[in-house]
Amino acid sequence: MSAAKAQQRNLTGSRQLLKISEVCEELDVAESTFYDWRAKNRGPRCIKLPNGSVRIRRAELERWLETREEAA
C-alpha cells in the first residue's frame, strides 16, 4: 500500500474521503445503483474533484445513513 493511500485510510471523521467503490462495497449495492441514487439526488452528497473523480466524506455517508433509519 502506498504511503498516500495509507495516510488517507488513517484519516478520521469528515476528512476521510471514500471512493464510490468503497461506499458501494460498504453498503452492498452496485455502483450503478449508487449512480442512480446520485442522479435522483437520493444518495449522500459527493465531492467532484478537478480530475472528474467523485469522493464521499465519511461523515457525510454516516449522516446520510442516519437519515435513512426507521423509527422502531
N, C-alpha and C. Protein backbone atom coordinates (compact mmCIF):
# COMPACT_ATOMS: atom_id res chain seq x y z
N MET A 1 0.86 -1.18 0.00
CA MET A 1 0.00 0.00 0.00
C MET A 1 0.90 1.24 0.00
N SER A 2 0.56 2.18 -0.85
CA SER A 2 1.36 3.39 -0.93
C SER A 2 1.19 4.22 0.34
N ALA A 3 2.15 5.10 0.58
CA ALA A 3 2.09 5.95 1.77
C ALA A 3 0.88 6.88 1.72
N ALA A 4 0.58 7.40 0.53
CA ALA A 4 -0.57 8.30 0.39
C ALA A 4 -1.87 7.57 0.69
N LYS A 5 -1.98 6.35 0.19
CA LYS A 5 -3.20 5.57 0.42
C LYS A 5 -3.32 5.20 1.90
N ALA A 6 -2.23 4.86 2.53
CA ALA A 6 -2.24 4.54 3.95
C ALA A 6 -2.64 5.76 4.76
N GLN A 7 -2.14 6.93 4.38
CA GLN A 7 -2.50 8.15 5.10
C GLN A 7 -3.98 8.44 4.95
N GLN A 8 -4.53 8.26 3.75
CA GLN A 8 -5.96 8.50 3.53
C GLN A 8 -6.80 7.57 4.39
N ARG A 9 -6.41 6.31 4.49
CA ARG A 9 -7.16 5.36 5.30
C ARG A 9 -7.09 5.69 6.79
N ASN A 10 -6.01 6.37 7.21
CA ASN A 10 -5.85 6.71 8.61
C ASN A 10 -6.60 7.98 9.01
N LEU A 11 -7.05 8.77 8.06
CA LEU A 11 -7.81 9.97 8.39
C LEU A 11 -9.12 9.59 9.04
N THR A 12 -9.60 10.43 9.95
CA THR A 12 -10.84 10.12 10.63
C THR A 12 -11.85 11.23 10.42
N GLY A 13 -13.10 10.93 10.71
CA GLY A 13 -14.16 11.93 10.67
C GLY A 13 -14.42 12.46 9.29
N SER A 14 -14.79 13.74 9.22
CA SER A 14 -15.21 14.34 7.97
C SER A 14 -14.07 14.48 6.97
N ARG A 15 -12.84 14.32 7.40
CA ARG A 15 -11.70 14.47 6.48
C ARG A 15 -11.48 13.22 5.64
N GLN A 16 -11.98 12.06 6.06
CA GLN A 16 -11.76 10.85 5.30
C GLN A 16 -12.63 10.86 4.05
N LEU A 17 -12.00 10.69 2.90
CA LEU A 17 -12.73 10.67 1.64
C LEU A 17 -12.78 9.25 1.11
N LEU A 18 -13.97 8.82 0.73
CA LEU A 18 -14.18 7.46 0.24
C LEU A 18 -14.44 7.48 -1.26
N LYS A 19 -13.95 6.47 -1.94
CA LYS A 19 -14.25 6.28 -3.35
C LYS A 19 -15.65 5.68 -3.46
N ILE A 20 -16.27 5.86 -4.61
CA ILE A 20 -17.60 5.29 -4.81
C ILE A 20 -17.56 3.78 -4.65
N SER A 21 -16.51 3.14 -5.13
CA SER A 21 -16.41 1.69 -4.99
C SER A 21 -16.37 1.27 -3.53
N GLU A 22 -15.72 2.07 -2.68
CA GLU A 22 -15.66 1.75 -1.25
C GLU A 22 -17.03 1.91 -0.59
N VAL A 23 -17.74 2.98 -0.97
CA VAL A 23 -19.09 3.20 -0.43
C VAL A 23 -20.01 2.07 -0.85
N CYS A 24 -19.96 1.70 -2.12
CA CYS A 24 -20.83 0.64 -2.63
C CYS A 24 -20.53 -0.70 -1.96
N GLU A 25 -19.26 -0.97 -1.73
CA GLU A 25 -18.89 -2.21 -1.04
C GLU A 25 -19.44 -2.20 0.38
N GLU A 26 -19.31 -1.08 1.07
CA GLU A 26 -19.80 -0.98 2.44
C GLU A 26 -21.32 -1.13 2.50
N LEU A 27 -22.03 -0.56 1.52
CA LEU A 27 -23.50 -0.61 1.50
C LEU A 27 -24.02 -1.87 0.82
N ASP A 28 -23.15 -2.63 0.19
CA ASP A 28 -23.52 -3.84 -0.55
C ASP A 28 -24.53 -3.52 -1.66
N VAL A 29 -24.21 -2.49 -2.45
CA VAL A 29 -25.02 -2.12 -3.61
C VAL A 29 -24.10 -1.99 -4.82
N ALA A 30 -24.68 -2.14 -5.99
CA ALA A 30 -23.92 -1.99 -7.23
C ALA A 30 -23.60 -0.52 -7.47
N GLU A 31 -22.51 -0.26 -8.16
CA GLU A 31 -22.16 1.12 -8.48
C GLU A 31 -23.25 1.77 -9.33
N SER A 32 -23.91 0.99 -10.19
CA SER A 32 -24.99 1.55 -11.00
C SER A 32 -26.13 2.04 -10.12
N THR A 33 -26.38 1.37 -9.01
CA THR A 33 -27.41 1.79 -8.05
C THR A 33 -27.00 3.12 -7.42
N PHE A 34 -25.74 3.21 -7.02
CA PHE A 34 -25.25 4.45 -6.42
C PHE A 34 -25.39 5.61 -7.40
N TYR A 35 -25.00 5.41 -8.66
CA TYR A 35 -25.10 6.48 -9.66
C TYR A 35 -26.56 6.85 -9.92
N ASP A 36 -27.45 5.87 -9.85
CA ASP A 36 -28.89 6.15 -9.99
C ASP A 36 -29.37 7.03 -8.84
N TRP A 37 -28.98 6.68 -7.61
CA TRP A 37 -29.33 7.50 -6.44
C TRP A 37 -28.79 8.91 -6.62
N ARG A 38 -27.55 9.01 -7.09
CA ARG A 38 -26.93 10.32 -7.25
C ARG A 38 -27.67 11.15 -8.29
N ALA A 39 -28.06 10.54 -9.39
CA ALA A 39 -28.78 11.25 -10.45
C ALA A 39 -30.13 11.76 -9.96
N LYS A 40 -30.73 11.03 -9.02
CA LYS A 40 -32.04 11.39 -8.48
C LYS A 40 -31.93 12.19 -7.17
N ASN A 41 -30.72 12.62 -6.82
CA ASN A 41 -30.47 13.35 -5.56
C ASN A 41 -30.97 12.60 -4.34
N ARG A 42 -30.79 11.29 -4.34
CA ARG A 42 -31.23 10.47 -3.22
C ARG A 42 -30.06 9.86 -2.45
N GLY A 43 -28.85 10.05 -2.93
CA GLY A 43 -27.68 9.49 -2.29
C GLY A 43 -26.97 10.51 -1.43
N PRO A 44 -25.87 10.10 -0.80
CA PRO A 44 -25.10 11.05 0.01
C PRO A 44 -24.47 12.12 -0.88
N ARG A 45 -24.25 13.30 -0.31
CA ARG A 45 -23.60 14.37 -1.07
C ARG A 45 -22.19 13.95 -1.44
N CYS A 46 -21.80 14.32 -2.65
CA CYS A 46 -20.49 13.93 -3.17
C CYS A 46 -19.63 15.16 -3.42
N ILE A 47 -18.35 14.90 -3.55
CA ILE A 47 -17.38 15.92 -3.90
C ILE A 47 -16.81 15.53 -5.25
N LYS A 48 -16.94 16.41 -6.23
CA LYS A 48 -16.36 16.15 -7.54
C LYS A 48 -15.01 16.86 -7.61
N LEU A 49 -13.96 16.08 -7.79
CA LEU A 49 -12.60 16.60 -7.83
C LEU A 49 -12.29 17.17 -9.22
N PRO A 50 -11.28 18.03 -9.32
CA PRO A 50 -10.93 18.62 -10.61
C PRO A 50 -10.64 17.60 -11.71
N ASN A 51 -10.18 16.43 -11.34
CA ASN A 51 -9.88 15.41 -12.35
C ASN A 51 -11.13 14.62 -12.76
N GLY A 52 -12.29 14.98 -12.20
CA GLY A 52 -13.55 14.33 -12.56
C GLY A 52 -13.95 13.19 -11.66
N SER A 53 -13.05 12.72 -10.81
CA SER A 53 -13.42 11.63 -9.92
C SER A 53 -14.30 12.16 -8.78
N VAL A 54 -15.03 11.25 -8.17
CA VAL A 54 -16.00 11.62 -7.14
C VAL A 54 -15.60 10.96 -5.83
N ARG A 55 -15.74 11.69 -4.74
CA ARG A 55 -15.47 11.17 -3.40
C ARG A 55 -16.63 11.53 -2.48
N ILE A 56 -16.76 10.74 -1.41
CA ILE A 56 -17.80 10.97 -0.40
C ILE A 56 -17.10 11.05 0.95
N ARG A 57 -17.39 12.10 1.70
CA ARG A 57 -16.82 12.21 3.05
C ARG A 57 -17.43 11.12 3.93
N ARG A 58 -16.61 10.52 4.77
CA ARG A 58 -17.09 9.50 5.72
C ARG A 58 -18.22 10.08 6.58
N ALA A 59 -18.04 11.30 7.06
CA ALA A 59 -19.05 11.93 7.92
C ALA A 59 -20.36 12.12 7.16
N GLU A 60 -20.29 12.46 5.87
CA GLU A 60 -21.50 12.64 5.07
C GLU A 60 -22.21 11.31 4.87
N LEU A 61 -21.46 10.25 4.63
CA LEU A 61 -22.07 8.93 4.49
C LEU A 61 -22.78 8.54 5.78
N GLU A 62 -22.14 8.76 6.92
CA GLU A 62 -22.76 8.43 8.21
C GLU A 62 -24.03 9.27 8.44
N ARG A 63 -23.97 10.57 8.11
CA ARG A 63 -25.14 11.44 8.26
C ARG A 63 -26.27 10.95 7.37
N TRP A 64 -25.95 10.63 6.12
CA TRP A 64 -26.95 10.16 5.17
C TRP A 64 -27.60 8.86 5.65
N LEU A 65 -26.80 7.95 6.17
CA LEU A 65 -27.33 6.69 6.68
C LEU A 65 -28.27 6.92 7.86
N GLU A 66 -27.92 7.86 8.74
CA GLU A 66 -28.77 8.16 9.88
C GLU A 66 -30.13 8.67 9.44
N THR A 67 -30.18 9.41 8.34
CA THR A 67 -31.47 9.92 7.85
C THR A 67 -32.30 8.81 7.26
N ARG A 68 -31.73 7.67 6.99
CA ARG A 68 -32.46 6.53 6.44
C ARG A 68 -32.96 5.56 7.50
N GLU A 69 -32.59 5.79 8.75
CA GLU A 69 -33.03 4.90 9.82
C GLU A 69 -34.53 5.02 10.04
N GLU A 70 -35.15 3.89 10.23
CA GLU A 70 -36.58 3.87 10.51
C GLU A 70 -36.80 3.85 12.01
N ALA A 71 -37.87 4.51 12.43
CA ALA A 71 -38.22 4.51 13.85
C ALA A 71 -38.68 3.10 14.25
N ALA A 72 -38.31 2.71 15.43
CA ALA A 72 -38.67 1.36 15.90
C ALA A 72 -40.13 1.29 16.31
